[in-house]
Amino acid sequence: MYRKQHKKIPMKIYTMDDSCVKIMQDRLTDEYAAERFYKCAATWCDLNGFAEASDYFVNEYHAERKHQHKIEKNLTDWNVIPMLPEVKAAQPSFTGLKDIVEQAYEMEYKLCEAYQQAVIDTQLEYPKCAVFFNKFVEIQDESVIEYADILKKLQGIESVFELQIMSKKVFK
């Protein structure tokens, strides 16, 4: 008895829309930049006697890594190969601990705005992407609030000695 041979029709593998991929890639680039920023901040603090702040920024560095992995995983889950951003040689420059915190606050605020815009840009046509980005809006909101609180605590402190004492309380 002969079996009838059926042609196998390849199953369609769905992927993410190109516009969502572009936004994800842009945010991935931002997360890599934030990681580098915090690595530089931790190093600066370590070299300038702010051990607690250094540890704090090392933790921030690791948090940015987790954000990268979430974006990369979401892309690969949707059958997209993430394009890792180019690592640029330029490093941020810091004039002091308060300058680092001010720059971090500004960076986190801009990243929060970028994620909010990502939600707006995707919510109608690509609600799954919007839901994914909304989680990052919440993360960024927390970061912005945290850095604003740190800035308030460091306000009015000018001497390095006072900053070193206060940083032990602020960055515990």
N, C-alpha and C. Protein backbone atom coordinates (compact mmCIF):
# COMPACT_ATOMS: atom_id res chain seq x y z
N MET A 1 0.82 -1.15 0.00
CA MET A 1 0.00 0.00 0.00
C MET A 1 0.89 1.25 0.00
N TYR A 2 0.54 2.19 -0.79
CA TYR A 2 1.32 3.42 -0.92
C TYR A 2 0.67 4.54 -0.13
N ARG A 3 1.54 5.31 0.50
CA ARG A 3 1.05 6.50 1.19
C ARG A 3 1.16 7.70 0.26
N LYS A 4 0.21 8.49 0.34
CA LYS A 4 0.23 9.69 -0.47
C LYS A 4 1.20 10.69 0.19
N GLN A 5 2.13 11.20 -0.57
CA GLN A 5 3.10 12.18 -0.06
C GLN A 5 2.47 13.57 -0.09
N HIS A 6 2.49 14.20 1.04
CA HIS A 6 1.96 15.56 1.13
C HIS A 6 3.13 16.53 1.18
N LYS A 7 2.97 17.60 0.48
CA LYS A 7 3.97 18.66 0.57
C LYS A 7 3.79 19.36 1.91
N LYS A 8 4.88 19.55 2.60
CA LYS A 8 4.81 20.28 3.86
C LYS A 8 4.85 21.77 3.55
N ILE A 9 3.92 22.44 4.08
CA ILE A 9 3.89 23.88 3.92
C ILE A 9 4.61 24.47 5.12
N PRO A 10 5.63 25.27 4.85
CA PRO A 10 6.36 25.83 5.99
C PRO A 10 5.45 26.74 6.82
N MET A 11 5.60 26.59 8.10
CA MET A 11 4.82 27.39 9.02
C MET A 11 5.38 28.81 9.04
N LYS A 12 4.51 29.79 9.08
CA LYS A 12 4.95 31.18 9.11
C LYS A 12 5.44 31.51 10.51
N ILE A 13 6.63 32.08 10.58
CA ILE A 13 7.18 32.54 11.84
C ILE A 13 6.95 34.04 11.93
N TYR A 14 6.23 34.43 12.94
CA TYR A 14 5.91 35.84 13.09
C TYR A 14 7.08 36.58 13.73
N THR A 15 7.17 37.83 13.39
CA THR A 15 8.23 38.66 13.94
C THR A 15 7.65 40.02 14.31
N MET A 16 8.45 40.81 14.91
CA MET A 16 8.04 42.14 15.34
C MET A 16 8.06 43.09 14.15
N ASP A 17 7.16 44.03 14.14
CA ASP A 17 7.12 45.03 13.09
C ASP A 17 8.40 45.88 13.13
N ASP A 18 8.85 46.29 11.95
CA ASP A 18 10.10 47.06 11.83
C ASP A 18 10.09 48.34 12.66
N SER A 19 8.95 49.00 12.75
CA SER A 19 8.91 50.24 13.53
C SER A 19 9.12 49.96 15.03
N CYS A 20 8.58 48.84 15.52
CA CYS A 20 8.81 48.45 16.92
C CYS A 20 10.28 48.06 17.13
N VAL A 21 10.83 47.35 16.16
CA VAL A 21 12.24 46.94 16.25
C VAL A 21 13.12 48.18 16.35
N LYS A 22 12.84 49.19 15.54
CA LYS A 22 13.65 50.42 15.55
C LYS A 22 13.59 51.09 16.91
N ILE A 23 12.40 51.19 17.47
CA ILE A 23 12.25 51.82 18.78
C ILE A 23 12.98 50.99 19.84
N MET A 24 12.83 49.68 19.78
CA MET A 24 13.53 48.80 20.74
C MET A 24 15.05 48.98 20.63
N GLN A 25 15.53 49.03 19.41
CA GLN A 25 16.97 49.20 19.19
C GLN A 25 17.45 50.55 19.74
N ASP A 26 16.66 51.58 19.54
CA ASP A 26 17.02 52.90 20.07
C ASP A 26 17.10 52.88 21.59
N ARG A 27 16.12 52.23 22.22
CA ARG A 27 16.14 52.15 23.69
C ARG A 27 17.28 51.25 24.17
N LEU A 28 17.60 50.22 23.41
CA LEU A 28 18.74 49.36 23.76
C LEU A 28 20.03 50.17 23.74
N THR A 29 20.17 51.03 22.74
CA THR A 29 21.34 51.91 22.66
C THR A 29 21.40 52.81 23.89
N ASP A 30 20.25 53.36 24.29
CA ASP A 30 20.21 54.20 25.49
C ASP A 30 20.64 53.44 26.74
N GLU A 31 20.19 52.19 26.85
CA GLU A 31 20.54 51.39 28.03
C GLU A 31 22.03 51.08 28.06
N TYR A 32 22.62 50.85 26.90
CA TYR A 32 24.07 50.64 26.84
C TYR A 32 24.81 51.91 27.23
N ALA A 33 24.33 53.06 26.78
CA ALA A 33 24.96 54.34 27.15
C ALA A 33 24.86 54.56 28.66
N ALA A 34 23.71 54.24 29.24
CA ALA A 34 23.52 54.40 30.69
C ALA A 34 24.46 53.47 31.45
N GLU A 35 24.61 52.27 30.96
CA GLU A 35 25.53 51.32 31.60
C GLU A 35 26.95 51.90 31.63
N ARG A 36 27.40 52.42 30.50
CA ARG A 36 28.74 53.00 30.43
C ARG A 36 28.87 54.21 31.34
N PHE A 37 27.83 55.03 31.38
CA PHE A 37 27.85 56.20 32.25
C PHE A 37 28.05 55.78 33.70
N TYR A 38 27.27 54.79 34.16
CA TYR A 38 27.37 54.38 35.55
C TYR A 38 28.69 53.68 35.87
N LYS A 39 29.25 53.00 34.90
CA LYS A 39 30.56 52.39 35.11
C LYS A 39 31.61 53.49 35.31
N CYS A 40 31.55 54.52 34.49
CA CYS A 40 32.47 55.66 34.64
C CYS A 40 32.24 56.38 35.97
N ALA A 41 30.98 56.54 36.35
CA ALA A 41 30.66 57.21 37.61
C ALA A 41 31.21 56.41 38.79
N ALA A 42 31.05 55.10 38.75
CA ALA A 42 31.56 54.25 39.84
C ALA A 42 33.08 54.36 39.94
N THR A 43 33.72 54.36 38.80
CA THR A 43 35.19 54.47 38.79
C THR A 43 35.62 55.82 39.35
N TRP A 44 34.97 56.89 38.91
CA TRP A 44 35.32 58.23 39.41
C TRP A 44 35.15 58.28 40.93
N CYS A 45 34.03 57.78 41.42
CA CYS A 45 33.77 57.79 42.86
C CYS A 45 34.81 56.98 43.62
N ASP A 46 35.17 55.85 43.09
CA ASP A 46 36.18 55.00 43.72
C ASP A 46 37.52 55.72 43.80
N LEU A 47 37.88 56.41 42.74
CA LEU A 47 39.16 57.11 42.70
C LEU A 47 39.18 58.37 43.56
N ASN A 48 38.01 58.88 43.92
CA ASN A 48 37.93 60.14 44.66
C ASN A 48 37.40 59.99 46.08
N GLY A 49 37.43 58.78 46.61
CA GLY A 49 37.12 58.57 48.02
C GLY A 49 35.65 58.48 48.36
N PHE A 50 34.80 58.18 47.40
CA PHE A 50 33.36 58.03 47.65
C PHE A 50 32.97 56.57 47.47
N ALA A 51 33.42 55.74 48.40
CA ALA A 51 33.24 54.28 48.27
C ALA A 51 31.76 53.88 48.20
N GLU A 52 30.93 54.47 49.06
CA GLU A 52 29.51 54.12 49.07
C GLU A 52 28.84 54.52 47.75
N ALA A 53 29.18 55.68 47.25
CA ALA A 53 28.63 56.13 45.97
C ALA A 53 29.12 55.22 44.85
N SER A 54 30.36 54.79 44.92
CA SER A 54 30.90 53.87 43.92
C SER A 54 30.08 52.59 43.91
N ASP A 55 29.83 52.03 45.08
CA ASP A 55 29.02 50.80 45.17
C ASP A 55 27.61 51.03 44.61
N TYR A 56 27.06 52.19 44.91
CA TYR A 56 25.73 52.54 44.42
C TYR A 56 25.71 52.54 42.89
N PHE A 57 26.71 53.17 42.29
CA PHE A 57 26.75 53.27 40.83
C PHE A 57 27.10 51.93 40.18
N VAL A 58 27.82 51.08 40.88
CA VAL A 58 28.04 49.72 40.37
C VAL A 58 26.70 48.99 40.29
N ASN A 59 25.86 49.17 41.31
CA ASN A 59 24.52 48.56 41.28
C ASN A 59 23.68 49.14 40.14
N GLU A 60 23.81 50.43 39.88
CA GLU A 60 23.10 51.05 38.77
C GLU A 60 23.59 50.47 37.44
N TYR A 61 24.87 50.26 37.35
CA TYR A 61 25.48 49.65 36.16
C TYR A 61 24.85 48.27 35.90
N HIS A 62 24.73 47.48 36.96
CA HIS A 62 24.13 46.15 36.82
C HIS A 62 22.64 46.22 36.47
N ALA A 63 21.95 47.23 37.00
CA ALA A 63 20.53 47.40 36.67
C ALA A 63 20.36 47.72 35.18
N GLU A 64 21.26 48.53 34.65
CA GLU A 64 21.20 48.85 33.21
C GLU A 64 21.44 47.60 32.38
N ARG A 65 22.33 46.74 32.85
CA ARG A 65 22.56 45.46 32.17
C ARG A 65 21.29 44.63 32.12
N LYS A 66 20.55 44.60 33.21
CA LYS A 66 19.30 43.85 33.24
C LYS A 66 18.30 44.42 32.25
N HIS A 67 18.26 45.75 32.15
CA HIS A 67 17.36 46.38 31.19
C HIS A 67 17.74 45.99 29.76
N GLN A 68 19.03 45.97 29.48
CA GLN A 68 19.51 45.55 28.16
C GLN A 68 19.04 44.13 27.85
N HIS A 69 19.22 43.26 28.82
CA HIS A 69 18.86 41.85 28.62
C HIS A 69 17.36 41.70 28.38
N LYS A 70 16.54 42.49 29.07
CA LYS A 70 15.09 42.41 28.85
C LYS A 70 14.73 42.82 27.42
N ILE A 71 15.34 43.88 26.94
CA ILE A 71 15.06 44.33 25.58
C ILE A 71 15.57 43.31 24.57
N GLU A 72 16.79 42.83 24.78
CA GLU A 72 17.36 41.83 23.87
C GLU A 72 16.51 40.56 23.85
N LYS A 73 16.05 40.14 25.02
CA LYS A 73 15.22 38.93 25.10
C LYS A 73 13.89 39.14 24.38
N ASN A 74 13.30 40.31 24.55
CA ASN A 74 12.04 40.58 23.87
C ASN A 74 12.23 40.54 22.35
N LEU A 75 13.32 41.10 21.88
CA LEU A 75 13.60 41.05 20.44
C LEU A 75 13.79 39.61 19.96
N THR A 76 14.61 38.85 20.66
CA THR A 76 14.85 37.47 20.21
C THR A 76 13.60 36.60 20.35
N ASP A 77 12.79 36.87 21.37
CA ASP A 77 11.53 36.13 21.51
C ASP A 77 10.63 36.35 20.30
N TRP A 78 10.75 37.52 19.67
CA TRP A 78 9.97 37.84 18.49
C TRP A 78 10.78 37.65 17.21
N ASN A 79 11.80 36.79 17.30
CA ASN A 79 12.57 36.35 16.13
C ASN A 79 13.32 37.48 15.43
N VAL A 80 13.84 38.38 16.23
CA VAL A 80 14.65 39.48 15.73
C VAL A 80 16.02 39.37 16.40
N ILE A 81 17.06 39.50 15.62
CA ILE A 81 18.41 39.50 16.18
C ILE A 81 18.74 40.93 16.61
N PRO A 82 18.97 41.15 17.91
CA PRO A 82 19.28 42.50 18.36
C PRO A 82 20.61 42.97 17.77
N MET A 83 20.64 44.22 17.38
CA MET A 83 21.87 44.82 16.89
C MET A 83 22.51 45.55 18.07
N LEU A 84 23.64 45.05 18.52
CA LEU A 84 24.29 45.67 19.66
C LEU A 84 24.91 47.00 19.22
N PRO A 85 24.69 48.03 20.04
CA PRO A 85 25.18 49.35 19.64
C PRO A 85 26.70 49.44 19.66
N GLU A 86 27.19 50.33 18.84
CA GLU A 86 28.63 50.59 18.79
C GLU A 86 29.08 51.22 20.10
N VAL A 87 30.22 50.76 20.60
CA VAL A 87 30.77 51.33 21.83
C VAL A 87 31.67 52.49 21.43
N LYS A 88 31.32 53.67 21.90
CA LYS A 88 32.11 54.85 21.57
C LYS A 88 33.17 55.07 22.65
N ALA A 89 34.31 55.60 22.25
CA ALA A 89 35.43 55.77 23.17
C ALA A 89 35.23 56.93 24.14
N ALA A 90 34.40 57.90 23.79
CA ALA A 90 34.22 59.07 24.64
C ALA A 90 33.61 58.68 25.99
N GLN A 91 34.17 59.25 27.03
CA GLN A 91 33.66 59.00 28.37
C GLN A 91 33.10 60.29 28.95
N PRO A 92 32.11 60.18 29.80
CA PRO A 92 31.61 61.41 30.43
C PRO A 92 32.68 62.00 31.34
N SER A 93 32.63 63.30 31.51
CA SER A 93 33.55 63.94 32.44
C SER A 93 32.75 64.44 33.64
N PHE A 94 33.36 64.37 34.79
CA PHE A 94 32.69 64.76 36.02
C PHE A 94 33.52 65.79 36.77
N THR A 95 32.85 66.79 37.33
CA THR A 95 33.53 67.78 38.15
C THR A 95 33.39 67.47 39.64
N GLY A 96 32.56 66.53 39.98
CA GLY A 96 32.36 66.17 41.37
C GLY A 96 31.18 65.23 41.51
N LEU A 97 30.93 64.82 42.73
CA LEU A 97 29.85 63.88 43.01
C LEU A 97 28.48 64.47 42.65
N LYS A 98 28.26 65.72 43.01
CA LYS A 98 26.98 66.34 42.67
C LYS A 98 26.78 66.43 41.16
N ASP A 99 27.85 66.66 40.44
CA ASP A 99 27.78 66.70 38.98
C ASP A 99 27.36 65.34 38.42
N ILE A 100 27.89 64.27 38.99
CA ILE A 100 27.50 62.92 38.56
C ILE A 100 26.01 62.71 38.78
N VAL A 101 25.54 63.08 39.96
CA VAL A 101 24.12 62.88 40.29
C VAL A 101 23.24 63.74 39.37
N GLU A 102 23.66 64.98 39.10
CA GLU A 102 22.89 65.83 38.19
C GLU A 102 22.85 65.24 36.79
N GLN A 103 23.98 64.74 36.30
CA GLN A 103 24.01 64.12 34.97
C GLN A 103 23.16 62.84 34.94
N ALA A 104 23.23 62.06 36.01
CA ALA A 104 22.44 60.83 36.08
C ALA A 104 20.95 61.17 36.07
N TYR A 105 20.58 62.19 36.84
CA TYR A 105 19.18 62.63 36.88
C TYR A 105 18.70 63.04 35.50
N GLU A 106 19.49 63.83 34.80
CA GLU A 106 19.15 64.29 33.46
C GLU A 106 19.02 63.11 32.49
N MET A 107 19.96 62.18 32.57
CA MET A 107 19.94 61.00 31.69
C MET A 107 18.70 60.15 31.95
N GLU A 108 18.40 59.89 33.22
CA GLU A 108 17.24 59.07 33.57
C GLU A 108 15.94 59.77 33.16
N TYR A 109 15.89 61.08 33.30
CA TYR A 109 14.69 61.82 32.91
C TYR A 109 14.47 61.73 31.40
N LYS A 110 15.54 61.91 30.63
CA LYS A 110 15.43 61.81 29.16
C LYS A 110 15.04 60.40 28.74
N LEU A 111 15.56 59.40 29.43
CA LEU A 111 15.21 58.02 29.11
C LEU A 111 13.74 57.75 29.45
N CYS A 112 13.27 58.33 30.53
CA CYS A 112 11.85 58.20 30.89
C CYS A 112 10.99 58.80 29.78
N GLU A 113 11.36 59.97 29.31
CA GLU A 113 10.62 60.60 28.22
C GLU A 113 10.65 59.75 26.95
N ALA A 114 11.80 59.14 26.67
CA ALA A 114 11.93 58.29 25.47
C ALA A 114 11.01 57.06 25.58
N TYR A 115 10.94 56.46 26.76
CA TYR A 115 10.04 55.31 26.93
C TYR A 115 8.57 55.74 26.87
N GLN A 116 8.26 56.91 27.42
CA GLN A 116 6.88 57.41 27.32
C GLN A 116 6.50 57.63 25.85
N GLN A 117 7.43 58.17 25.08
CA GLN A 117 7.17 58.38 23.65
C GLN A 117 7.02 57.04 22.93
N ALA A 118 7.80 56.05 23.35
CA ALA A 118 7.70 54.71 22.75
C ALA A 118 6.31 54.12 22.98
N VAL A 119 5.75 54.34 24.17
CA VAL A 119 4.40 53.87 24.46
C VAL A 119 3.40 54.57 23.53
N ILE A 120 3.53 55.88 23.41
CA ILE A 120 2.63 56.66 22.55
C ILE A 120 2.73 56.19 21.10
N ASP A 121 3.96 55.97 20.64
CA ASP A 121 4.18 55.60 19.24
C ASP A 121 3.69 54.20 18.88
N THR A 122 3.52 53.35 19.88
CA THR A 122 3.17 51.95 19.59
C THR A 122 1.79 51.53 20.08
N GLN A 123 1.16 52.32 20.92
CA GLN A 123 -0.05 51.85 21.60
C GLN A 123 -1.22 51.53 20.68
N LEU A 124 -1.36 52.24 19.58
CA LEU A 124 -2.50 51.98 18.70
C LEU A 124 -2.28 50.79 17.78
N GLU A 125 -1.15 50.77 17.10
CA GLU A 125 -0.92 49.71 16.12
C GLU A 125 -0.25 48.47 16.70
N TYR A 126 0.54 48.65 17.74
CA TYR A 126 1.32 47.54 18.29
C TYR A 126 1.20 47.52 19.82
N PRO A 127 0.01 47.19 20.32
CA PRO A 127 -0.20 47.27 21.77
C PRO A 127 0.74 46.40 22.60
N LYS A 128 1.20 45.27 22.05
CA LYS A 128 2.13 44.43 22.82
C LYS A 128 3.44 45.17 23.07
N CYS A 129 3.90 45.92 22.10
CA CYS A 129 5.11 46.72 22.29
C CYS A 129 4.87 47.81 23.33
N ALA A 130 3.70 48.43 23.27
CA ALA A 130 3.37 49.49 24.23
C ALA A 130 3.36 48.94 25.66
N VAL A 131 2.81 47.75 25.84
CA VAL A 131 2.78 47.13 27.17
C VAL A 131 4.21 46.89 27.65
N PHE A 132 5.06 46.40 26.76
CA PHE A 132 6.47 46.16 27.11
C PHE A 132 7.14 47.48 27.52
N PHE A 133 6.95 48.53 26.74
CA PHE A 133 7.59 49.82 27.04
C PHE A 133 7.03 50.44 28.31
N ASN A 134 5.77 50.19 28.59
CA ASN A 134 5.15 50.76 29.79
C ASN A 134 5.86 50.28 31.06
N LYS A 135 6.34 49.06 31.06
CA LYS A 135 7.10 48.55 32.21
C LYS A 135 8.35 49.38 32.43
N PHE A 136 8.98 49.81 31.34
CA PHE A 136 10.18 50.62 31.44
C PHE A 136 9.87 52.05 31.88
N VAL A 137 8.68 52.54 31.53
CA VAL A 137 8.27 53.86 32.01
C VAL A 137 8.22 53.83 33.54
N GLU A 138 7.66 52.76 34.10
CA GLU A 138 7.58 52.62 35.56
C GLU A 138 8.97 52.57 36.18
N ILE A 139 9.88 51.81 35.57
CA ILE A 139 11.26 51.72 36.06
C ILE A 139 11.91 53.09 36.04
N GLN A 140 11.73 53.81 34.93
CA GLN A 140 12.36 55.13 34.79
C GLN A 140 11.75 56.14 35.75
N ASP A 141 10.44 56.07 35.96
CA ASP A 141 9.81 56.96 36.95
C ASP A 141 10.48 56.81 38.31
N GLU A 142 10.70 55.57 38.72
CA GLU A 142 11.34 55.31 40.00
C GLU A 142 12.75 55.89 40.04
N SER A 143 13.49 55.75 38.94
CA SER A 143 14.86 56.28 38.88
C SER A 143 14.87 57.80 38.97
N VAL A 144 13.97 58.44 38.24
CA VAL A 144 13.91 59.90 38.25
C VAL A 144 13.61 60.40 39.66
N ILE A 145 12.66 59.78 40.32
CA ILE A 145 12.30 60.17 41.69
C ILE A 145 13.48 59.95 42.63
N GLU A 146 14.14 58.81 42.49
CA GLU A 146 15.28 58.49 43.35
C GLU A 146 16.41 59.52 43.19
N TYR A 147 16.73 59.88 41.96
CA TYR A 147 17.80 60.87 41.75
C TYR A 147 17.39 62.26 42.20
N ALA A 148 16.12 62.61 42.05
CA ALA A 148 15.65 63.90 42.57
C ALA A 148 15.81 63.95 44.08
N ASP A 149 15.50 62.85 44.75
CA ASP A 149 15.67 62.78 46.21
C ASP A 149 17.14 62.92 46.60
N ILE A 150 18.03 62.28 45.86
CA ILE A 150 19.46 62.39 46.16
C ILE A 150 19.92 63.82 45.96
N LEU A 151 19.48 64.46 44.88
CA LEU A 151 19.86 65.85 44.64
C LEU A 151 19.41 66.76 45.78
N LYS A 152 18.21 66.53 46.27
CA LYS A 152 17.70 67.35 47.39
C LYS A 152 18.57 67.17 48.62
N LYS A 153 19.01 65.96 48.87
CA LYS A 153 19.84 65.69 50.05
C LYS A 153 21.23 66.31 49.94
N LEU A 154 21.73 66.43 48.72
CA LEU A 154 23.07 66.98 48.51
C LEU A 154 23.05 68.50 48.32
N GLN A 155 21.86 69.06 48.23
CA GLN A 155 21.73 70.50 48.00
C GLN A 155 22.39 71.29 49.12
N GLY A 156 23.16 72.30 48.74
CA GLY A 156 23.79 73.18 49.72
C GLY A 156 25.11 72.67 50.27
N ILE A 157 25.47 71.45 49.97
CA ILE A 157 26.74 70.90 50.45
C ILE A 157 27.81 71.20 49.41
N GLU A 158 28.87 71.89 49.84
CA GLU A 158 29.90 72.30 48.89
C GLU A 158 31.25 71.64 49.14
N SER A 159 31.63 71.46 50.37
CA SER A 159 32.98 70.93 50.63
C SER A 159 33.04 69.43 50.39
N VAL A 160 34.20 68.99 49.93
CA VAL A 160 34.41 67.57 49.66
C VAL A 160 34.22 66.76 50.93
N PHE A 161 34.72 67.28 52.05
CA PHE A 161 34.60 66.58 53.33
C PHE A 161 33.13 66.36 53.68
N GLU A 162 32.31 67.42 53.56
CA GLU A 162 30.88 67.29 53.86
C GLU A 162 30.21 66.32 52.89
N LEU A 163 30.61 66.37 51.62
CA LEU A 163 30.04 65.44 50.63
C LEU A 163 30.40 64.00 50.96
N GLN A 164 31.64 63.77 51.42
CA GLN A 164 32.04 62.40 51.77
C GLN A 164 31.23 61.89 52.95
N ILE A 165 31.00 62.73 53.93
CA ILE A 165 30.20 62.32 55.09
C ILE A 165 28.75 62.08 54.67
N MET A 166 28.18 63.00 53.91
CA MET A 166 26.79 62.88 53.49
C MET A 166 26.59 61.70 52.54
N SER A 167 27.57 61.44 51.69
CA SER A 167 27.42 60.35 50.73
C SER A 167 27.30 59.00 51.42
N LYS A 168 27.89 58.88 52.60
CA LYS A 168 27.77 57.61 53.35
C LYS A 168 26.32 57.38 53.77
N LYS A 169 25.56 58.46 54.00
CA LYS A 169 24.16 58.35 54.37
C LYS A 169 23.26 58.20 53.14
N VAL A 170 23.61 58.95 52.09
CA VAL A 170 22.77 58.99 50.90
C VAL A 170 22.89 57.71 50.08
N PHE A 171 24.09 57.17 49.96
CA PHE A 171 24.35 56.04 49.06
C PHE A 171 24.53 54.72 49.80
N LYS A 172 23.81 54.54 50.91
CA LYS A 172 23.95 53.29 51.65
C LYS A 172 23.23 52.15 51.01
